[in-house]
Amino acid sequence: MKYFILNIILAIIWSLLEEDINASNLIIGFILGHIVLQLSRRALGPSPYLYGIFKAIDLVLYFWVEIFKTNLRLVVDVLTPINYMKPRIIAVPLDVTSDAEITALANLISLTPGSLSLDVSADRHVLYIHAMYAEDKNKVIRDVKGKLERRLLEFASPAKDNS
């Protein structure tokens, strides 16, 4: 938490040095502050905050790319006379354990066009999803677990920085 507060302070200092406190100066200051904290991590000590920001960016970028790809797939399917949809309900085993992680994963799946989270098993070990393009259910499970859930877990539990 102290690194986040330091980063906010550095963003405010940057805005004061620019003599204009506005959103763009605060964002630039926040980014520059994070770079300064990254360069100072040996002196300041390890922190999950310094590692977590990169995992957050990775998760967001991956999610945006997936939204773009699935939207494109839906557009092609709607505009062509051939129907490529193979809808199926799939049980995806979960590695995420907390309610927040399960909720985040379910929401990310539901926000992706062509998929919808339906339910979580009573023991919270399986998430049931509806996928419109599920020709191969194992591929859907691999994509959810190996790409989306893995990134979510890495973001939720960042590794300690030992440098």
N, C-alpha and C. Protein backbone atom coordinates (compact mmCIF):
# COMPACT_ATOMS: atom_id res chain seq x y z
N MET A 1 0.82 -1.19 0.00
CA MET A 1 0.00 0.00 0.00
C MET A 1 0.87 1.26 0.00
N LYS A 2 2.04 1.16 0.65
CA LYS A 2 2.90 2.35 0.72
C LYS A 2 3.41 2.75 -0.66
N TYR A 3 3.60 1.78 -1.57
CA TYR A 3 4.07 2.09 -2.92
C TYR A 3 2.99 2.81 -3.72
N PHE A 4 1.76 2.41 -3.52
CA PHE A 4 0.66 3.09 -4.21
C PHE A 4 0.56 4.53 -3.73
N ILE A 5 0.68 4.74 -2.43
CA ILE A 5 0.62 6.11 -1.88
C ILE A 5 1.81 6.92 -2.40
N LEU A 6 3.00 6.31 -2.43
CA LEU A 6 4.17 6.98 -3.01
C LEU A 6 3.93 7.36 -4.47
N ASN A 7 3.30 6.45 -5.20
CA ASN A 7 3.02 6.71 -6.60
C ASN A 7 2.04 7.88 -6.75
N ILE A 8 1.03 7.94 -5.91
CA ILE A 8 0.08 9.06 -5.93
C ILE A 8 0.80 10.37 -5.61
N ILE A 9 1.66 10.34 -4.59
CA ILE A 9 2.41 11.54 -4.21
C ILE A 9 3.29 12.01 -5.36
N LEU A 10 3.96 11.08 -6.02
CA LEU A 10 4.80 11.44 -7.16
C LEU A 10 3.97 12.02 -8.31
N ALA A 11 2.77 11.50 -8.51
CA ALA A 11 1.89 12.05 -9.55
C ALA A 11 1.48 13.48 -9.21
N ILE A 12 1.17 13.73 -7.94
CA ILE A 12 0.79 15.08 -7.52
C ILE A 12 1.97 16.04 -7.65
N ILE A 13 3.16 15.58 -7.26
CA ILE A 13 4.36 16.41 -7.39
C ILE A 13 4.60 16.76 -8.86
N TRP A 14 4.44 15.78 -9.74
CA TRP A 14 4.61 16.04 -11.17
C TRP A 14 3.63 17.11 -11.64
N SER A 15 2.37 16.98 -11.22
CA SER A 15 1.37 17.97 -11.62
C SER A 15 1.69 19.36 -11.08
N LEU A 16 2.21 19.42 -9.85
CA LEU A 16 2.60 20.71 -9.28
C LEU A 16 3.79 21.31 -10.03
N LEU A 17 4.72 20.47 -10.42
CA LEU A 17 5.86 20.97 -11.20
C LEU A 17 5.41 21.46 -12.58
N GLU A 18 4.40 20.87 -13.12
CA GLU A 18 3.86 21.30 -14.40
C GLU A 18 2.97 22.54 -14.24
N GLU A 19 2.69 22.91 -13.01
CA GLU A 19 1.86 24.06 -12.65
C GLU A 19 0.43 23.97 -13.19
N ASP A 20 -0.04 22.75 -13.36
CA ASP A 20 -1.41 22.55 -13.82
C ASP A 20 -1.88 21.17 -13.36
N ILE A 21 -2.76 21.15 -12.37
CA ILE A 21 -3.27 19.88 -11.87
C ILE A 21 -4.51 19.53 -12.68
N ASN A 22 -4.33 18.62 -13.62
CA ASN A 22 -5.45 18.10 -14.41
C ASN A 22 -5.26 16.60 -14.60
N ALA A 23 -6.25 15.97 -15.20
CA ALA A 23 -6.23 14.51 -15.33
C ALA A 23 -5.03 14.02 -16.14
N SER A 24 -4.73 14.69 -17.25
CA SER A 24 -3.62 14.21 -18.08
C SER A 24 -2.28 14.33 -17.36
N ASN A 25 -2.06 15.42 -16.63
CA ASN A 25 -0.81 15.55 -15.87
C ASN A 25 -0.73 14.53 -14.74
N LEU A 26 -1.86 14.25 -14.10
CA LEU A 26 -1.86 13.25 -13.04
C LEU A 26 -1.57 11.85 -13.59
N ILE A 27 -2.12 11.53 -14.76
CA ILE A 27 -1.86 10.22 -15.36
C ILE A 27 -0.40 10.10 -15.77
N ILE A 28 0.11 11.14 -16.41
CA ILE A 28 1.53 11.13 -16.80
C ILE A 28 2.41 11.04 -15.55
N GLY A 29 2.08 11.79 -14.52
CA GLY A 29 2.83 11.73 -13.26
C GLY A 29 2.75 10.36 -12.62
N PHE A 30 1.59 9.72 -12.71
CA PHE A 30 1.43 8.39 -12.14
C PHE A 30 2.32 7.38 -12.88
N ILE A 31 2.33 7.48 -14.20
CA ILE A 31 3.17 6.58 -15.00
C ILE A 31 4.65 6.83 -14.72
N LEU A 32 5.06 8.09 -14.71
CA LEU A 32 6.46 8.42 -14.42
C LEU A 32 6.82 8.00 -12.99
N GLY A 33 5.88 8.20 -12.07
CA GLY A 33 6.12 7.78 -10.68
C GLY A 33 6.32 6.28 -10.58
N HIS A 34 5.55 5.54 -11.36
CA HIS A 34 5.71 4.08 -11.32
C HIS A 34 7.06 3.67 -11.88
N ILE A 35 7.51 4.37 -12.92
CA ILE A 35 8.84 4.09 -13.48
C ILE A 35 9.92 4.38 -12.43
N VAL A 36 9.78 5.50 -11.72
CA VAL A 36 10.74 5.85 -10.67
C VAL A 36 10.74 4.79 -9.57
N LEU A 37 9.56 4.33 -9.19
CA LEU A 37 9.48 3.28 -8.17
C LEU A 37 10.11 1.98 -8.65
N GLN A 38 9.90 1.65 -9.94
CA GLN A 38 10.52 0.45 -10.49
C GLN A 38 12.05 0.56 -10.43
N LEU A 39 12.56 1.73 -10.79
CA LEU A 39 14.02 1.92 -10.78
C LEU A 39 14.57 1.95 -9.35
N SER A 40 13.73 2.27 -8.39
CA SER A 40 14.17 2.38 -6.99
C SER A 40 13.85 1.15 -6.16
N ARG A 41 13.41 0.08 -6.78
CA ARG A 41 12.92 -1.06 -5.99
C ARG A 41 14.00 -1.72 -5.14
N ARG A 42 15.26 -1.65 -5.53
CA ARG A 42 16.33 -2.21 -4.67
C ARG A 42 16.45 -1.43 -3.38
N ALA A 43 16.32 -0.12 -3.47
CA ALA A 43 16.42 0.72 -2.28
C ALA A 43 15.17 0.65 -1.43
N LEU A 44 14.02 0.52 -2.08
CA LEU A 44 12.74 0.54 -1.36
C LEU A 44 12.33 -0.83 -0.85
N GLY A 45 12.83 -1.88 -1.47
CA GLY A 45 12.46 -3.23 -1.07
C GLY A 45 11.40 -3.80 -2.00
N PRO A 46 11.20 -5.12 -1.93
CA PRO A 46 10.25 -5.79 -2.82
C PRO A 46 8.80 -5.42 -2.49
N SER A 47 7.97 -5.43 -3.52
CA SER A 47 6.56 -5.11 -3.33
C SER A 47 5.73 -5.77 -4.42
N PRO A 48 4.59 -6.37 -4.05
CA PRO A 48 3.70 -6.92 -5.07
C PRO A 48 3.10 -5.82 -5.96
N TYR A 49 3.04 -4.59 -5.45
CA TYR A 49 2.48 -3.48 -6.23
C TYR A 49 3.30 -3.24 -7.49
N LEU A 50 4.59 -3.28 -7.38
CA LEU A 50 5.44 -3.01 -8.53
C LEU A 50 5.29 -4.09 -9.60
N TYR A 51 5.04 -5.32 -9.18
CA TYR A 51 4.87 -6.42 -10.11
C TYR A 51 3.44 -6.46 -10.65
N GLY A 52 2.48 -6.13 -9.80
CA GLY A 52 1.07 -6.27 -10.13
C GLY A 52 0.59 -5.37 -11.24
N ILE A 53 1.18 -4.21 -11.40
CA ILE A 53 0.73 -3.29 -12.45
C ILE A 53 0.95 -3.89 -13.83
N PHE A 54 2.04 -4.63 -14.01
CA PHE A 54 2.29 -5.26 -15.30
C PHE A 54 1.30 -6.40 -15.55
N LYS A 55 0.94 -7.11 -14.50
CA LYS A 55 -0.04 -8.18 -14.64
C LYS A 55 -1.43 -7.61 -14.94
N ALA A 56 -1.74 -6.45 -14.37
CA ALA A 56 -3.02 -5.80 -14.66
C ALA A 56 -3.06 -5.37 -16.13
N ILE A 57 -1.97 -4.81 -16.61
CA ILE A 57 -1.90 -4.39 -18.01
C ILE A 57 -2.02 -5.60 -18.93
N ASP A 58 -1.36 -6.70 -18.59
CA ASP A 58 -1.43 -7.93 -19.37
C ASP A 58 -2.87 -8.44 -19.43
N LEU A 59 -3.55 -8.45 -18.30
CA LEU A 59 -4.93 -8.93 -18.24
C LEU A 59 -5.85 -8.03 -19.08
N VAL A 60 -5.72 -6.74 -18.95
CA VAL A 60 -6.57 -5.80 -19.68
C VAL A 60 -6.31 -5.91 -21.19
N LEU A 61 -5.05 -5.94 -21.60
CA LEU A 61 -4.74 -6.04 -23.03
C LEU A 61 -5.26 -7.36 -23.62
N TYR A 62 -5.04 -8.46 -22.89
CA TYR A 62 -5.54 -9.75 -23.36
C TYR A 62 -7.06 -9.70 -23.52
N PHE A 63 -7.74 -9.13 -22.54
CA PHE A 63 -9.19 -9.06 -22.57
C PHE A 63 -9.68 -8.22 -23.74
N TRP A 64 -9.05 -7.08 -24.00
CA TRP A 64 -9.43 -6.23 -25.14
C TRP A 64 -9.24 -6.97 -26.46
N VAL A 65 -8.13 -7.68 -26.59
CA VAL A 65 -7.88 -8.44 -27.82
C VAL A 65 -8.96 -9.52 -27.99
N GLU A 66 -9.31 -10.20 -26.91
CA GLU A 66 -10.35 -11.24 -26.98
C GLU A 66 -11.70 -10.64 -27.36
N ILE A 67 -12.03 -9.48 -26.81
CA ILE A 67 -13.29 -8.83 -27.18
C ILE A 67 -13.28 -8.49 -28.66
N PHE A 68 -12.19 -7.96 -29.16
CA PHE A 68 -12.09 -7.62 -30.58
C PHE A 68 -12.24 -8.87 -31.45
N LYS A 69 -11.52 -9.94 -31.11
CA LYS A 69 -11.57 -11.16 -31.91
C LYS A 69 -12.97 -11.78 -31.91
N THR A 70 -13.61 -11.84 -30.74
CA THR A 70 -14.93 -12.46 -30.68
C THR A 70 -15.99 -11.59 -31.35
N ASN A 71 -15.85 -10.28 -31.26
CA ASN A 71 -16.77 -9.40 -31.99
C ASN A 71 -16.63 -9.61 -33.49
N LEU A 72 -15.40 -9.70 -33.95
CA LEU A 72 -15.15 -9.93 -35.37
C LEU A 72 -15.74 -11.27 -35.81
N ARG A 73 -15.58 -12.28 -35.00
CA ARG A 73 -16.13 -13.60 -35.32
C ARG A 73 -17.66 -13.54 -35.40
N LEU A 74 -18.28 -12.83 -34.48
CA LEU A 74 -19.74 -12.70 -34.51
C LEU A 74 -20.21 -11.93 -35.74
N VAL A 75 -19.50 -10.87 -36.11
CA VAL A 75 -19.87 -10.09 -37.29
C VAL A 75 -19.78 -10.96 -38.53
N VAL A 76 -18.72 -11.71 -38.67
CA VAL A 76 -18.56 -12.60 -39.83
C VAL A 76 -19.69 -13.63 -39.85
N ASP A 77 -20.02 -14.18 -38.70
CA ASP A 77 -21.06 -15.20 -38.63
C ASP A 77 -22.43 -14.62 -38.98
N VAL A 78 -22.69 -13.40 -38.55
CA VAL A 78 -23.99 -12.78 -38.85
C VAL A 78 -24.09 -12.40 -40.32
N LEU A 79 -23.00 -11.94 -40.91
CA LEU A 79 -23.03 -11.45 -42.29
C LEU A 79 -22.89 -12.54 -43.35
N THR A 80 -22.49 -13.72 -42.98
CA THR A 80 -22.35 -14.80 -43.95
C THR A 80 -23.56 -15.73 -43.86
N PRO A 81 -23.91 -16.39 -44.96
CA PRO A 81 -25.08 -17.27 -44.93
C PRO A 81 -24.86 -18.56 -44.14
N ILE A 82 -23.62 -18.94 -43.92
CA ILE A 82 -23.33 -20.18 -43.20
C ILE A 82 -23.29 -19.88 -41.70
N ASN A 83 -23.93 -20.73 -40.93
CA ASN A 83 -23.96 -20.57 -39.48
C ASN A 83 -22.84 -21.41 -38.87
N TYR A 84 -21.87 -20.73 -38.26
CA TYR A 84 -20.71 -21.42 -37.67
C TYR A 84 -20.89 -21.71 -36.18
N MET A 85 -22.01 -21.31 -35.62
CA MET A 85 -22.20 -21.47 -34.18
C MET A 85 -22.41 -22.93 -33.81
N LYS A 86 -21.75 -23.32 -32.75
CA LYS A 86 -21.91 -24.65 -32.15
C LYS A 86 -22.10 -24.43 -30.65
N PRO A 87 -23.28 -23.95 -30.23
CA PRO A 87 -23.47 -23.63 -28.82
C PRO A 87 -23.42 -24.86 -27.93
N ARG A 88 -22.89 -24.64 -26.73
CA ARG A 88 -22.74 -25.74 -25.79
C ARG A 88 -22.56 -25.17 -24.39
N ILE A 89 -23.05 -25.90 -23.41
CA ILE A 89 -22.80 -25.56 -22.01
C ILE A 89 -21.63 -26.42 -21.56
N ILE A 90 -20.64 -25.75 -20.97
CA ILE A 90 -19.38 -26.42 -20.62
C ILE A 90 -19.10 -26.21 -19.14
N ALA A 91 -18.66 -27.27 -18.48
CA ALA A 91 -18.23 -27.19 -17.08
C ALA A 91 -16.73 -26.96 -17.06
N VAL A 92 -16.32 -25.82 -16.53
CA VAL A 92 -14.90 -25.45 -16.48
C VAL A 92 -14.43 -25.60 -15.04
N PRO A 93 -13.47 -26.50 -14.77
CA PRO A 93 -12.93 -26.61 -13.41
C PRO A 93 -12.17 -25.34 -13.04
N LEU A 94 -12.31 -24.92 -11.80
CA LEU A 94 -11.73 -23.65 -11.37
C LEU A 94 -10.47 -23.83 -10.53
N ASP A 95 -9.51 -22.96 -10.77
CA ASP A 95 -8.34 -22.84 -9.91
C ASP A 95 -8.49 -21.64 -8.98
N VAL A 96 -9.32 -20.67 -9.39
CA VAL A 96 -9.57 -19.52 -8.52
C VAL A 96 -10.39 -20.00 -7.33
N THR A 97 -10.15 -19.38 -6.17
CA THR A 97 -10.80 -19.89 -4.96
C THR A 97 -11.67 -18.86 -4.26
N SER A 98 -11.27 -17.62 -4.25
CA SER A 98 -12.03 -16.63 -3.49
C SER A 98 -13.27 -16.19 -4.26
N ASP A 99 -14.24 -15.66 -3.53
CA ASP A 99 -15.45 -15.17 -4.17
C ASP A 99 -15.15 -14.06 -5.16
N ALA A 100 -14.22 -13.18 -4.81
CA ALA A 100 -13.88 -12.07 -5.70
C ALA A 100 -13.26 -12.59 -7.00
N GLU A 101 -12.38 -13.57 -6.91
CA GLU A 101 -11.74 -14.13 -8.11
C GLU A 101 -12.77 -14.85 -8.99
N ILE A 102 -13.66 -15.62 -8.36
CA ILE A 102 -14.69 -16.33 -9.13
C ILE A 102 -15.62 -15.33 -9.81
N THR A 103 -15.99 -14.28 -9.09
CA THR A 103 -16.87 -13.26 -9.66
C THR A 103 -16.18 -12.53 -10.81
N ALA A 104 -14.91 -12.18 -10.62
CA ALA A 104 -14.17 -11.50 -11.69
C ALA A 104 -14.08 -12.38 -12.93
N LEU A 105 -13.75 -13.66 -12.75
CA LEU A 105 -13.64 -14.57 -13.89
C LEU A 105 -14.99 -14.71 -14.59
N ALA A 106 -16.05 -14.91 -13.82
CA ALA A 106 -17.38 -15.06 -14.40
C ALA A 106 -17.79 -13.80 -15.17
N ASN A 107 -17.48 -12.64 -14.63
CA ASN A 107 -17.82 -11.39 -15.32
C ASN A 107 -16.99 -11.20 -16.58
N LEU A 108 -15.70 -11.53 -16.54
CA LEU A 108 -14.87 -11.41 -17.74
C LEU A 108 -15.38 -12.33 -18.84
N ILE A 109 -15.80 -13.53 -18.47
CA ILE A 109 -16.35 -14.47 -19.45
C ILE A 109 -17.65 -13.92 -20.02
N SER A 110 -18.52 -13.40 -19.16
CA SER A 110 -19.81 -12.88 -19.62
C SER A 110 -19.66 -11.63 -20.48
N LEU A 111 -18.63 -10.83 -20.23
CA LEU A 111 -18.41 -9.63 -21.02
C LEU A 111 -17.84 -9.93 -22.40
N THR A 112 -17.29 -11.11 -22.57
CA THR A 112 -16.76 -11.50 -23.87
C THR A 112 -17.92 -11.95 -24.75
N PRO A 113 -18.10 -11.33 -25.90
CA PRO A 113 -19.22 -11.71 -26.78
C PRO A 113 -19.16 -13.19 -27.15
N GLY A 114 -20.31 -13.84 -27.12
CA GLY A 114 -20.38 -15.25 -27.49
C GLY A 114 -20.21 -16.20 -26.33
N SER A 115 -20.06 -15.68 -25.13
CA SER A 115 -19.96 -16.55 -23.96
C SER A 115 -20.71 -15.93 -22.80
N LEU A 116 -21.17 -16.80 -21.91
CA LEU A 116 -21.95 -16.34 -20.78
C LEU A 116 -21.72 -17.27 -19.60
N SER A 117 -21.45 -16.71 -18.44
CA SER A 117 -21.32 -17.52 -17.22
C SER A 117 -22.72 -17.82 -16.72
N LEU A 118 -22.97 -19.09 -16.43
CA LEU A 118 -24.31 -19.49 -16.01
C LEU A 118 -24.41 -19.73 -14.51
N ASP A 119 -23.48 -20.49 -13.96
CA ASP A 119 -23.59 -20.87 -12.56
C ASP A 119 -22.24 -21.38 -12.06
N VAL A 120 -22.13 -21.39 -10.74
CA VAL A 120 -20.96 -21.96 -10.07
C VAL A 120 -21.47 -23.12 -9.24
N SER A 121 -20.73 -24.22 -9.25
CA SER A 121 -21.15 -25.38 -8.46
C SER A 121 -21.16 -25.04 -6.98
N ALA A 122 -21.88 -25.82 -6.21
CA ALA A 122 -22.02 -25.56 -4.77
C ALA A 122 -20.67 -25.59 -4.05
N ASP A 123 -19.76 -26.44 -4.50
CA ASP A 123 -18.44 -26.52 -3.87
C ASP A 123 -17.47 -25.48 -4.42
N ARG A 124 -17.91 -24.66 -5.37
CA ARG A 124 -17.14 -23.58 -5.97
C ARG A 124 -15.89 -24.07 -6.70
N HIS A 125 -15.96 -25.27 -7.27
CA HIS A 125 -14.84 -25.82 -8.02
C HIS A 125 -15.10 -25.89 -9.52
N VAL A 126 -16.36 -25.60 -9.93
CA VAL A 126 -16.71 -25.69 -11.35
C VAL A 126 -17.56 -24.47 -11.72
N LEU A 127 -17.22 -23.87 -12.86
CA LEU A 127 -18.01 -22.77 -13.41
C LEU A 127 -18.65 -23.27 -14.69
N TYR A 128 -19.96 -23.11 -14.79
CA TYR A 128 -20.69 -23.52 -15.98
C TYR A 128 -20.85 -22.31 -16.89
N ILE A 129 -20.40 -22.47 -18.13
CA ILE A 129 -20.50 -21.37 -19.08
C ILE A 129 -21.22 -21.85 -20.34
N HIS A 130 -21.86 -20.91 -21.02
CA HIS A 130 -22.46 -21.17 -22.32
C HIS A 130 -21.55 -20.51 -23.36
N ALA A 131 -21.07 -21.29 -24.29
CA ALA A 131 -20.20 -20.78 -25.35
C ALA A 131 -20.89 -20.99 -26.69
N MET A 132 -20.94 -19.95 -27.50
CA MET A 132 -21.60 -20.06 -28.81
C MET A 132 -20.74 -20.80 -29.82
N TYR A 133 -19.42 -20.72 -29.67
CA TYR A 133 -18.51 -21.38 -30.60
C TYR A 133 -17.70 -22.42 -29.85
N ALA A 134 -18.32 -23.55 -29.59
CA ALA A 134 -17.68 -24.58 -28.78
C ALA A 134 -17.59 -25.88 -29.58
N GLU A 135 -16.95 -25.80 -30.74
CA GLU A 135 -16.77 -27.01 -31.55
C GLU A 135 -16.00 -28.05 -30.74
N ASP A 136 -14.99 -27.59 -30.04
CA ASP A 136 -14.16 -28.46 -29.20
C ASP A 136 -14.22 -27.95 -27.77
N LYS A 137 -14.94 -28.66 -26.91
CA LYS A 137 -15.10 -28.18 -25.53
C LYS A 137 -13.77 -28.12 -24.79
N ASN A 138 -12.86 -29.01 -25.10
CA ASN A 138 -11.55 -28.99 -24.43
C ASN A 138 -10.76 -27.74 -24.78
N LYS A 139 -10.91 -27.25 -26.02
CA LYS A 139 -10.24 -26.03 -26.42
C LYS A 139 -10.81 -24.83 -25.65
N VAL A 140 -12.13 -24.81 -25.48
CA VAL A 140 -12.76 -23.74 -24.72
C VAL A 140 -12.25 -23.76 -23.29
N ILE A 141 -12.18 -24.93 -22.69
CA ILE A 141 -11.68 -25.06 -21.31
C ILE A 141 -10.22 -24.62 -21.24
N ARG A 142 -9.40 -25.05 -22.21
CA ARG A 142 -7.98 -24.64 -22.24
C ARG A 142 -7.86 -23.12 -22.36
N ASP A 143 -8.69 -22.52 -23.21
CA ASP A 143 -8.63 -21.07 -23.39
C ASP A 143 -9.02 -20.34 -22.11
N VAL A 144 -10.08 -20.78 -21.47
CA VAL A 144 -10.52 -20.12 -20.23
C VAL A 144 -9.47 -20.30 -19.14
N LYS A 145 -9.01 -21.52 -18.95
CA LYS A 145 -8.07 -21.80 -17.86
C LYS A 145 -6.66 -21.31 -18.16
N GLY A 146 -6.18 -21.59 -19.35
CA GLY A 146 -4.79 -21.30 -19.68
C GLY A 146 -4.52 -19.85 -20.02
N LYS A 147 -5.55 -19.13 -20.38
CA LYS A 147 -5.33 -17.74 -20.79
C LYS A 147 -5.98 -16.77 -19.81
N LEU A 148 -7.30 -16.84 -19.68
CA LEU A 148 -8.00 -15.86 -18.86
C LEU A 148 -7.82 -16.11 -17.36
N GLU A 149 -8.08 -17.32 -16.92
CA GLU A 149 -7.96 -17.62 -15.48
C GLU A 149 -6.51 -17.49 -15.00
N ARG A 150 -5.57 -17.92 -15.81
CA ARG A 150 -4.15 -17.81 -15.43
C ARG A 150 -3.76 -16.35 -15.24
N ARG A 151 -4.17 -15.50 -16.17
CA ARG A 151 -3.85 -14.06 -16.05
C ARG A 151 -4.53 -13.45 -14.83
N LEU A 152 -5.75 -13.84 -14.58
CA LEU A 152 -6.47 -13.34 -13.41
C LEU A 152 -5.78 -13.78 -12.12
N LEU A 153 -5.34 -15.02 -12.06
CA LEU A 153 -4.62 -15.51 -10.88
C LEU A 153 -3.29 -14.80 -10.70
N GLU A 154 -2.58 -14.57 -11.78
CA GLU A 154 -1.30 -13.85 -11.69
C GLU A 154 -1.50 -12.43 -11.21
N PHE A 155 -2.58 -11.80 -11.65
CA PHE A 155 -2.87 -10.44 -11.20
C PHE A 155 -3.32 -10.44 -9.74
N ALA A 156 -4.16 -11.39 -9.37
CA ALA A 156 -4.70 -11.43 -8.01
C ALA A 156 -3.65 -11.82 -6.98
N SER A 157 -2.66 -12.61 -7.39
CA SER A 157 -1.62 -13.08 -6.47
C SER A 157 -0.25 -12.82 -7.07
N PRO A 158 0.17 -11.57 -7.15
CA PRO A 158 1.47 -11.29 -7.79
C PRO A 158 2.61 -11.92 -7.01
N ALA A 159 3.62 -12.35 -7.75
CA ALA A 159 4.81 -12.94 -7.14
C ALA A 159 5.61 -11.87 -6.43
N LYS A 160 6.29 -12.29 -5.42
CA LYS A 160 7.17 -11.35 -4.69
C LYS A 160 8.37 -11.01 -5.54
N ASP A 161 8.75 -9.75 -5.49
CA ASP A 161 9.91 -9.27 -6.24
C ASP A 161 11.15 -9.49 -5.36
N ASN A 162 12.05 -10.34 -5.81
CA ASN A 162 13.21 -10.69 -4.98
C ASN A 162 14.48 -10.00 -5.42
N SER A 163 14.39 -8.99 -6.24
CA SER A 163 15.62 -8.35 -6.69
C SER A 163 16.07 -7.25 -5.75
